[in-house]
């Protein structure tokens, strides 16, 4: 399968085709010239699209990383034959860098404030990874190529001044996610039914959200309320958040399916 045929098969629209074509260019650079290459930061949905592309290509040598285990935004690093994954991840001059910004504890700066300050410098979202917020500070994962402009020009967020410094990627300290465990039963493992349980809403409202294109399953938009959901599936809904189907426990005495969900709060 040549490059065009691969894009025809994997790309769902013009925007995704551009993304996947750029990924293939990076892959070919690594394979044909023996040069380590990487994608920009990708959202979970983009990661799913790229992984489908790589599976169709034939599972090339690569490693996903976002600076720490469980990162939401990640880059895909393509490895030439001479480079091992552990060596690539341990390379202190790799494509990822990290910053720490200090600000007054009473400033109430939010993730949105920090992101706005960063993008106000002219940086695109693909150069920025996760933003980890704490009281009085934040940590930001970035592409190393963006480091000079950030260290020289990133001085504030909102109306607050920041004290910014580079830190080793190994010093990133993400907080464990806060989740709420939900045990419920559903008549069937349909998307609308499971979504209603996960987000404490009615099945009819859940079906409306699905039909409106606001719901994704495993980071892929799904407009079918009757889609079958399985253990391990990640359900996201714009405006409501994310929940994960942790377990499907079988049938209750009343013939309903028992399940365990985790909703991220």
C-alpha atoms as a PDB file:
ATOM      1  CA  UNK A   1       0.000   0.000   0.000  1.00  0.00           C
ATOM      2  CA  UNK A   2       1.533   3.316  -1.061  1.00  0.00           C
ATOM      3  CA  UNK A   3       1.290   6.583   0.856  1.00  0.00           C
ATOM      4  CA  UNK A   4      -1.744   7.876  -1.020  1.00  0.00           C
ATOM      5  CA  UNK A   5      -3.659   4.643  -0.605  1.00  0.00           C
ATOM      6  CA  UNK A   6      -2.809   4.620   3.099  1.00  0.00           C
ATOM      7  CA  UNK A   7      -4.134   8.157   3.558  1.00  0.00           C
ATOM      8  CA  UNK A   8      -7.266   7.337   1.558  1.00  0.00           C
ATOM      9  CA  UNK A   9      -7.901   4.420   3.901  1.00  0.00           C
ATOM     10  CA  UNK A  10      -7.144   6.099   7.228  1.00  0.00           C
ATOM     11  CA  UNK A  11      -8.052   9.790   6.909  1.00  0.00           C
ATOM     12  CA  UNK A  12     -11.682  10.659   7.652  1.00  0.00           C
ATOM     13  CA  UNK A  13     -11.508  14.260   6.404  1.00  0.00           C
ATOM     14  CA  UNK A  14      -9.148  16.797   4.886  1.00  0.00           C
ATOM     15  CA  UNK A  15      -7.826  18.051   8.226  1.00  0.00           C
ATOM     16  CA  UNK A  16      -6.978  14.559   9.398  1.00  0.00           C
ATOM     17  CA  UNK A  17      -5.367  13.781   6.051  1.00  0.00           C
ATOM     18  CA  UNK A  18      -2.970  16.715   6.515  1.00  0.00           C
ATOM     19  CA  UNK A  19      -2.088  15.498  10.022  1.00  0.00           C
ATOM     20  CA  UNK A  20      -1.479  11.916   8.906  1.00  0.00           C
ATOM     21  CA  UNK A  21       0.577  13.025   5.913  1.00  0.00           C
ATOM     22  CA  UNK A  22       2.853  14.986   8.248  1.00  0.00           C
ATOM     23  CA  UNK A  23       3.194  11.926  10.471  1.00  0.00           C
ATOM     24  CA  UNK A  24       4.170   9.770   7.501  1.00  0.00           C
ATOM     25  CA  UNK A  25       6.819  12.317   6.522  1.00  0.00           C
ATOM     26  CA  UNK A  26       8.360  11.995  10.006  1.00  0.00           C
ATOM     27  CA  UNK A  27       8.173   8.211   9.848  1.00  0.00           C
ATOM     28  CA  UNK A  28       9.893   8.105   6.461  1.00  0.00           C
ATOM     29  CA  UNK A  29      12.631  10.429   7.734  1.00  0.00           C
ATOM     30  CA  UNK A  30      13.381   7.996  10.533  1.00  0.00           C
ATOM     31  CA  UNK A  31      13.219   4.860   8.408  1.00  0.00           C
ATOM     32  CA  UNK A  32      14.953   6.080   5.259  1.00  0.00           C
ATOM     33  CA  UNK A  33      17.647   8.328   6.734  1.00  0.00           C
ATOM     34  CA  UNK A  34      18.141   6.814  10.179  1.00  0.00           C
ATOM     35  CA  UNK A  35      17.297  10.083  11.943  1.00  0.00           C
ATOM     36  CA  UNK A  36      15.154  10.172  15.126  1.00  0.00           C
ATOM     37  CA  UNK A  37      11.941  12.040  14.382  1.00  0.00           C
ATOM     38  CA  UNK A  38       8.751  12.883  16.225  1.00  0.00           C
ATOM     39  CA  UNK A  39       5.267  14.277  15.785  1.00  0.00           C
ATOM     40  CA  UNK A  40       4.029  17.421  17.507  1.00  0.00           C
ATOM     41  CA  UNK A  41       1.904  17.018  20.625  1.00  0.00           C
ATOM     42  CA  UNK A  42      -1.288  15.165  19.778  1.00  0.00           C
ATOM     43  CA  UNK A  43      -4.630  15.097  21.538  1.00  0.00           C
ATOM     44  CA  UNK A  44      -6.067  11.696  22.530  1.00  0.00           C
ATOM     45  CA  UNK A  45      -8.275  11.726  19.439  1.00  0.00           C
ATOM     46  CA  UNK A  46      -5.324  12.508  17.187  1.00  0.00           C
ATOM     47  CA  UNK A  47      -3.296   9.801  18.895  1.00  0.00           C
ATOM     48  CA  UNK A  48      -5.997   7.265  18.079  1.00  0.00           C
ATOM     49  CA  UNK A  49      -5.981   8.321  14.414  1.00  0.00           C
ATOM     50  CA  UNK A  50      -2.196   8.148  14.202  1.00  0.00           C
ATOM     51  CA  UNK A  51      -2.105   4.745  15.901  1.00  0.00           C
ATOM     52  CA  UNK A  52      -4.593   3.407  13.345  1.00  0.00           C
ATOM     53  CA  UNK A  53      -2.309   4.725  10.607  1.00  0.00           C
ATOM     54  CA  UNK A  54       0.756   3.087  12.134  1.00  0.00           C
ATOM     55  CA  UNK A  55      -1.094  -0.215  12.514  1.00  0.00           C
ATOM     56  CA  UNK A  56      -2.010  -0.089   8.826  1.00  0.00           C
ATOM     57  CA  UNK A  57       1.589   0.774   7.937  1.00  0.00           C
ATOM     58  CA  UNK A  58       2.886  -2.276   9.752  1.00  0.00           C
ATOM     59  CA  UNK A  59       3.707  -1.277  13.340  1.00  0.00           C
ATOM     60  CA  UNK A  60       6.922   0.730  12.841  1.00  0.00           C
ATOM     61  CA  UNK A  61       9.375   1.218  15.723  1.00  0.00           C
ATOM     62  CA  UNK A  62       8.082   4.066  17.829  1.00  0.00           C
ATOM     63  CA  UNK A  63       7.356   5.144  21.385  1.00  0.00           C
ATOM     64  CA  UNK A  64       4.646   7.430  22.751  1.00  0.00           C
ATOM     65  CA  UNK A  65       5.493   9.913  25.493  1.00  0.00           C
ATOM     66  CA  UNK A  66       4.094  13.035  27.094  1.00  0.00           C
ATOM     67  CA  UNK A  67       6.760  13.577  29.724  1.00  0.00           C
ATOM     68  CA  UNK A  68       5.227  11.373  32.419  1.00  0.00           C
ATOM     69  CA  UNK A  69       3.163   8.209  32.661  1.00  0.00           C
ATOM     70  CA  UNK A  70      -0.483   8.819  31.869  1.00  0.00           C
ATOM     71  CA  UNK A  71       0.027  12.150  30.079  1.00  0.00           C
ATOM     72  CA  UNK A  72      -2.983  13.170  28.011  1.00  0.00           C
ATOM     73  CA  UNK A  73      -1.164  15.018  25.244  1.00  0.00           C
ATOM     74  CA  UNK A  74       1.673  12.988  23.761  1.00  0.00           C
ATOM     75  CA  UNK A  75       4.168  12.891  20.917  1.00  0.00           C
ATOM     76  CA  UNK A  76       5.043   9.816  18.881  1.00  0.00           C
ATOM     77  CA  UNK A  77       8.798   9.346  18.551  1.00  0.00           C
ATOM     78  CA  UNK A  78       9.961   7.298  15.565  1.00  0.00           C
ATOM     79  CA  UNK A  79      13.097   5.298  16.260  1.00  0.00           C
ATOM     80  CA  UNK A  80      15.802   4.460  13.717  1.00  0.00           C
ATOM     81  CA  UNK A  81      17.252   0.950  13.850  1.00  0.00           C
ATOM     82  CA  UNK A  82      20.153   2.004  16.076  1.00  0.00           C
ATOM     83  CA  UNK A  83      18.026   3.569  18.826  1.00  0.00           C
ATOM     84  CA  UNK A  84      16.264   1.626  21.582  1.00  0.00           C
ATOM     85  CA  UNK A  85      13.086   2.962  23.252  1.00  0.00           C
ATOM     86  CA  UNK A  86      14.652   3.179  26.711  1.00  0.00           C
ATOM     87  CA  UNK A  87      17.597   5.151  25.329  1.00  0.00           C
ATOM     88  CA  UNK A  88      15.292   7.544  23.511  1.00  0.00           C
ATOM     89  CA  UNK A  89      13.201   8.188  26.617  1.00  0.00           C
ATOM     90  CA  UNK A  90      16.273   8.686  28.795  1.00  0.00           C
ATOM     91  CA  UNK A  91      17.924  11.169  26.425  1.00  0.00           C
ATOM     92  CA  UNK A  92      18.196  14.504  28.323  1.00  0.00           C
ATOM     93  CA  UNK A  93      18.290  16.355  24.988  1.00  0.00           C
ATOM     94  CA  UNK A  94      15.185  14.657  23.626  1.00  0.00           C
ATOM     95  CA  UNK A  95      12.310  16.578  22.015  1.00  0.00           C
ATOM     96  CA  UNK A  96      10.451  17.250  25.291  1.00  0.00           C
ATOM     97  CA  UNK A  97      11.291  19.866  27.901  1.00  0.00           C
ATOM     98  CA  UNK A  98       9.511  21.067  31.033  1.00  0.00           C
ATOM     99  CA  UNK A  99       8.956  24.427  32.693  1.00  0.00           C
ATOM    100  CA  UNK A 100       7.814  25.453  36.132  1.00  0.00           C
ATOM    101  CA  UNK A 101       6.067  28.772  36.702  1.00  0.00           C
ATOM    102  CA  UNK A 102       5.527  30.194  40.199  1.00  0.00           C
ATOM    103  CA  UNK A 103       2.764  32.665  41.040  1.00  0.00           C
ATOM    104  CA  UNK A 104       1.003  33.953  44.185  1.00  0.00           C
ATOM    105  CA  UNK A 105      -1.118  31.286  45.887  1.00  0.00           C
ATOM    106  CA  UNK A 106      -4.085  33.673  46.069  1.00  0.00           C
ATOM    107  CA  UNK A 107      -4.029  34.406  42.334  1.00  0.00           C
ATOM    108  CA  UNK A 108      -6.597  31.702  41.440  1.00  0.00           C
ATOM    109  CA  UNK A 109      -4.944  31.183  38.064  1.00  0.00           C
ATOM    110  CA  UNK A 110      -6.574  28.382  36.075  1.00  0.00           C
ATOM    111  CA  UNK A 111      -5.479  26.002  33.355  1.00  0.00           C
ATOM    112  CA  UNK A 112      -7.201  28.285  30.860  1.00  0.00           C
ATOM    113  CA  UNK A 113      -5.273  31.326  32.117  1.00  0.00           C
ATOM    114  CA  UNK A 114      -1.935  29.541  31.736  1.00  0.00           C
ATOM    115  CA  UNK A 115      -2.793  28.197  28.279  1.00  0.00           C
ATOM    116  CA  UNK A 116      -3.948  31.641  27.183  1.00  0.00           C
ATOM    117  CA  UNK A 117      -0.699  33.198  28.355  1.00  0.00           C
ATOM    118  CA  UNK A 118       1.337  30.614  26.459  1.00  0.00           C
ATOM    119  CA  UNK A 119      -0.586  30.887  23.220  1.00  0.00           C
ATOM    120  CA  UNK A 120      -0.480  34.674  23.520  1.00  0.00           C
ATOM    121  CA  UNK A 121       3.235  34.359  22.746  1.00  0.00           C
ATOM    122  CA  UNK A 122       2.351  33.015  19.305  1.00  0.00           C
ATOM    123  CA  UNK A 123       2.827  29.339  20.149  1.00  0.00           C
ATOM    124  CA  UNK A 124       0.479  26.825  18.581  1.00  0.00           C
ATOM    125  CA  UNK A 125      -1.217  24.166  20.684  1.00  0.00           C
ATOM    126  CA  UNK A 126       0.814  21.411  19.045  1.00  0.00           C
ATOM    127  CA  UNK A 127       3.973  22.720  20.719  1.00  0.00           C
ATOM    128  CA  UNK A 128       2.407  22.458  24.172  1.00  0.00           C
ATOM    129  CA  UNK A 129       1.772  19.303  26.160  1.00  0.00           C
ATOM    130  CA  UNK A 130      -0.018  18.909  29.471  1.00  0.00           C
ATOM    131  CA  UNK A 131      -0.317  21.737  31.982  1.00  0.00           C
ATOM    132  CA  UNK A 132      -0.147  20.514  35.583  1.00  0.00           C
ATOM    133  CA  UNK A 133      -1.732  22.948  38.035  1.00  0.00           C
ATOM    134  CA  UNK A 134      -1.007  23.232  41.755  1.00  0.00           C
ATOM    135  CA  UNK A 135      -1.438  25.958  44.382  1.00  0.00           C
ATOM    136  CA  UNK A 136       1.089  28.644  43.590  1.00  0.00           C
ATOM    137  CA  UNK A 137       2.701  26.929  40.626  1.00  0.00           C
ATOM    138  CA  UNK A 138       2.200  25.085  37.376  1.00  0.00           C
ATOM    139  CA  UNK A 139       4.359  22.737  35.344  1.00  0.00           C
ATOM    140  CA  UNK A 140       4.175  22.691  31.550  1.00  0.00           C
ATOM    141  CA  UNK A 141       5.490  20.114  29.092  1.00  0.00           C
ATOM    142  CA  UNK A 142       6.654  21.672  25.823  1.00  0.00           C
ATOM    143  CA  UNK A 143       8.578  20.811  22.697  1.00  0.00           C
ATOM    144  CA  UNK A 144      12.219  21.666  23.282  1.00  0.00           C
ATOM    145  CA  UNK A 145      12.211  23.920  20.220  1.00  0.00           C
ATOM    146  CA  UNK A 146       9.777  26.238  22.035  1.00  0.00           C
ATOM    147  CA  UNK A 147      11.959  26.524  25.135  1.00  0.00           C
ATOM    148  CA  UNK A 148      13.989  29.634  24.160  1.00  0.00           C
ATOM    149  CA  UNK A 149      10.939  31.797  23.476  1.00  0.00           C
ATOM    150  CA  UNK A 150       9.245  30.648  26.680  1.00  0.00           C
ATOM    151  CA  UNK A 151      12.258  31.294  28.894  1.00  0.00           C
ATOM    152  CA  UNK A 152      12.795  34.741  27.398  1.00  0.00           C
ATOM    153  CA  UNK A 153       9.230  35.979  26.867  1.00  0.00           C
ATOM    154  CA  UNK A 154       6.759  34.150  29.132  1.00  0.00           C
ATOM    155  CA  UNK A 155       6.375  36.581  32.005  1.00  0.00           C
ATOM    156  CA  UNK A 156       2.756  36.459  33.064  1.00  0.00           C
ATOM    157  CA  UNK A 157      -0.719  34.939  32.948  1.00  0.00           C
ATOM    158  CA  UNK A 158      -3.822  37.067  33.348  1.00  0.00           C
ATOM    159  CA  UNK A 159      -2.744  40.031  35.460  1.00  0.00           C
ATOM    160  CA  UNK A 160      -0.181  38.036  37.450  1.00  0.00           C
ATOM    161  CA  UNK A 161       3.579  37.916  37.059  1.00  0.00           C
ATOM    162  CA  UNK A 162       5.264  34.535  36.786  1.00  0.00           C
ATOM    163  CA  UNK A 163       8.678  33.296  37.826  1.00  0.00           C
ATOM    164  CA  UNK A 164       9.615  30.783  35.137  1.00  0.00           C
ATOM    165  CA  UNK A 165      12.444  28.258  35.049  1.00  0.00           C
ATOM    166  CA  UNK A 166      13.299  25.074  33.183  1.00  0.00           C
ATOM    167  CA  UNK A 167      13.112  21.851  35.176  1.00  0.00           C
ATOM    168  CA  UNK A 168      14.135  18.296  34.247  1.00  0.00           C
ATOM    169  CA  UNK A 169      11.285  16.331  32.730  1.00  0.00           C
ATOM    170  CA  UNK A 170      11.870  13.772  35.480  1.00  0.00           C
ATOM    171  CA  UNK A 171      10.754  16.373  38.053  1.00  0.00           C
ATOM    172  CA  UNK A 172       7.219  16.634  36.671  1.00  0.00           C
ATOM    173  CA  UNK A 173       4.787  15.844  39.481  1.00  0.00           C
ATOM    174  CA  UNK A 174       1.292  15.129  38.189  1.00  0.00           C
ATOM    175  CA  UNK A 175      -1.472  14.733  40.730  1.00  0.00           C
ATOM    176  CA  UNK A 176      -3.400  11.455  40.699  1.00  0.00           C
ATOM    177  CA  UNK A 177      -6.718  12.036  38.917  1.00  0.00           C
ATOM    178  CA  UNK A 178      -9.815  12.436  41.074  1.00  0.00           C
ATOM    179  CA  UNK A 179     -12.430   9.862  40.164  1.00  0.00           C
ATOM    180  CA  UNK A 180     -15.849   8.881  41.414  1.00  0.00           C
ATOM    181  CA  UNK A 181     -16.695   5.173  41.322  1.00  0.00           C
ATOM    182  CA  UNK A 182     -20.197   4.438  40.087  1.00  0.00           C
ATOM    183  CA  UNK A 183     -21.859   1.030  40.418  1.00  0.00           C
ATOM    184  CA  UNK A 184     -25.040   0.705  38.406  1.00  0.00           C
ATOM    185  CA  UNK A 185     -27.093  -1.581  36.231  1.00  0.00           C
ATOM    186  CA  UNK A 186     -28.276  -1.029  32.665  1.00  0.00           C
ATOM    187  CA  UNK A 187     -30.812  -2.821  30.540  1.00  0.00           C
ATOM    188  CA  UNK A 188     -28.227  -3.233  27.773  1.00  0.00           C
ATOM    189  CA  UNK A 189     -24.629  -2.177  27.150  1.00  0.00           C
ATOM    190  CA  UNK A 190     -25.700   0.512  24.715  1.00  0.00           C
ATOM    191  CA  UNK A 191     -23.765   3.745  24.556  1.00  0.00           C
ATOM    192  CA  UNK A 192     -26.731   5.901  25.571  1.00  0.00           C
ATOM    193  CA  UNK A 193     -27.514   3.694  28.580  1.00  0.00           C
ATOM    194  CA  UNK A 194     -23.931   3.535  29.856  1.00  0.00           C
ATOM    195  CA  UNK A 195     -23.422   7.240  29.217  1.00  0.00           C
ATOM    196  CA  UNK A 196     -26.548   8.025  31.246  1.00  0.00           C
ATOM    197  CA  UNK A 197     -25.152   6.033  34.178  1.00  0.00           C
ATOM    198  CA  UNK A 198     -21.711   7.588  33.951  1.00  0.00           C
ATOM    199  CA  UNK A 199     -22.941  11.175  33.870  1.00  0.00           C
ATOM    200  CA  UNK A 200     -26.069  10.822  36.029  1.00  0.00           C
ATOM    201  CA  UNK A 201     -28.516  11.849  33.344  1.00  0.00           C
ATOM    202  CA  UNK A 202     -31.482  10.288  31.578  1.00  0.00           C
ATOM    203  CA  UNK A 203     -31.070   7.857  28.735  1.00  0.00           C
ATOM    204  CA  UNK A 204     -33.027  10.135  26.402  1.00  0.00           C
ATOM    205  CA  UNK A 205     -30.740  13.058  27.231  1.00  0.00           C
ATOM    206  CA  UNK A 206     -27.701  10.840  26.698  1.00  0.00           C
ATOM    207  CA  UNK A 207     -29.059   9.780  23.303  1.00  0.00           C
ATOM    208  CA  UNK A 208     -29.479  13.457  22.369  1.00  0.00           C
ATOM    209  CA  UNK A 209     -25.862  14.167  23.306  1.00  0.00           C
ATOM    210  CA  UNK A 210     -24.683  11.257  21.170  1.00  0.00           C
ATOM    211  CA  UNK A 211     -26.784  12.312  18.184  1.00  0.00           C
ATOM    212  CA  UNK A 212     -25.511  15.886  18.533  1.00  0.00           C
ATOM    213  CA  UNK A 213     -21.933  14.701  18.023  1.00  0.00           C
ATOM    214  CA  UNK A 214     -20.768  15.577  21.533  1.00  0.00           C
ATOM    215  CA  UNK A 215     -19.772  12.053  22.561  1.00  0.00           C
ATOM    216  CA  UNK A 216     -16.630  10.062  21.769  1.00  0.00           C
ATOM    217  CA  UNK A 217     -15.795   6.430  22.470  1.00  0.00           C
ATOM    218  CA  UNK A 218     -12.086   5.788  22.900  1.00  0.00           C
ATOM    219  CA  UNK A 219     -11.481   9.327  21.616  1.00  0.00           C
ATOM    220  CA  UNK A 220     -13.393   8.763  18.388  1.00  0.00           C
ATOM    221  CA  UNK A 221     -16.649  10.622  17.831  1.00  0.00           C
ATOM    222  CA  UNK A 222     -19.621   8.281  17.820  1.00  0.00           C
ATOM    223  CA  UNK A 223     -23.117   9.305  16.716  1.00  0.00           C
ATOM    224  CA  UNK A 224     -24.780   5.918  17.287  1.00  0.00           C
ATOM    225  CA  UNK A 225     -26.696   5.691  20.588  1.00  0.00           C
ATOM    226  CA  UNK A 226     -27.035   1.908  20.198  1.00  0.00           C
ATOM    227  CA  UNK A 227     -23.309   1.235  19.862  1.00  0.00           C
ATOM    228  CA  UNK A 228     -22.229  -1.607  22.146  1.00  0.00           C
ATOM    229  CA  UNK A 229     -19.874  -0.492  24.925  1.00  0.00           C
ATOM    230  CA  UNK A 230     -17.323  -2.823  26.509  1.00  0.00           C
ATOM    231  CA  UNK A 231     -15.100  -2.933  29.573  1.00  0.00           C
ATOM    232  CA  UNK A 232     -12.131  -0.620  29.141  1.00  0.00           C
ATOM    233  CA  UNK A 233     -13.925   1.828  26.861  1.00  0.00           C
ATOM    234  CA  UNK A 234     -13.348   5.525  27.522  1.00  0.00           C
ATOM    235  CA  UNK A 235     -16.423   7.719  27.096  1.00  0.00           C
ATOM    236  CA  UNK A 236     -16.032  11.478  26.772  1.00  0.00           C
ATOM    237  CA  UNK A 237     -18.725  14.094  26.381  1.00  0.00           C
ATOM    238  CA  UNK A 238     -18.057  17.742  25.620  1.00  0.00           C
ATOM    239  CA  UNK A 239     -19.281  19.777  28.554  1.00  0.00           C
ATOM    240  CA  UNK A 240     -19.556  16.816  30.932  1.00  0.00           C
ATOM    241  CA  UNK A 241     -16.099  15.225  31.021  1.00  0.00           C
ATOM    242  CA  UNK A 242     -14.846  11.656  30.899  1.00  0.00           C
ATOM    243  CA  UNK A 243     -15.740   8.290  32.361  1.00  0.00           C
ATOM    244  CA  UNK A 244     -14.242   4.829  31.952  1.00  0.00           C
ATOM    245  CA  UNK A 245     -16.026   1.476  31.943  1.00  0.00           C
ATOM    246  CA  UNK A 246     -13.893  -0.399  34.486  1.00  0.00           C
ATOM    247  CA  UNK A 247     -15.810  -3.642  34.846  1.00  0.00           C
ATOM    248  CA  UNK A 248     -18.814  -5.458  33.444  1.00  0.00           C
ATOM    249  CA  UNK A 249     -19.913  -7.818  36.216  1.00  0.00           C
ATOM    250  CA  UNK A 250     -22.563  -9.882  34.469  1.00  0.00           C
ATOM    251  CA  UNK A 251     -26.320 -10.139  34.926  1.00  0.00           C
ATOM    252  CA  UNK A 252     -28.314  -9.202  37.996  1.00  0.00           C
ATOM    253  CA  UNK A 253     -31.210 -11.296  39.238  1.00  0.00           C
ATOM    254  CA  UNK A 254     -33.504  -8.985  37.292  1.00  0.00           C
ATOM    255  CA  UNK A 255     -31.600  -9.586  34.064  1.00  0.00           C
ATOM    256  CA  UNK A 256     -29.855  -6.202  33.975  1.00  0.00           C
ATOM    257  CA  UNK A 257     -26.142  -5.806  33.291  1.00  0.00           C
ATOM    258  CA  UNK A 258     -24.089  -4.758  36.315  1.00  0.00           C
ATOM    259  CA  UNK A 259     -21.133  -2.491  35.690  1.00  0.00           C
ATOM    260  CA  UNK A 260     -18.544  -0.338  37.434  1.00  0.00           C
ATOM    261  CA  UNK A 261     -17.696   3.095  36.014  1.00  0.00           C
ATOM    262  CA  UNK A 262     -15.142   5.705  37.006  1.00  0.00           C
ATOM    263  CA  UNK A 263     -16.041   9.305  36.330  1.00  0.00           C
ATOM    264  CA  UNK A 264     -13.224  11.847  36.313  1.00  0.00           C
ATOM    265  CA  UNK A 265     -14.102  14.909  38.384  1.00  0.00           C
END
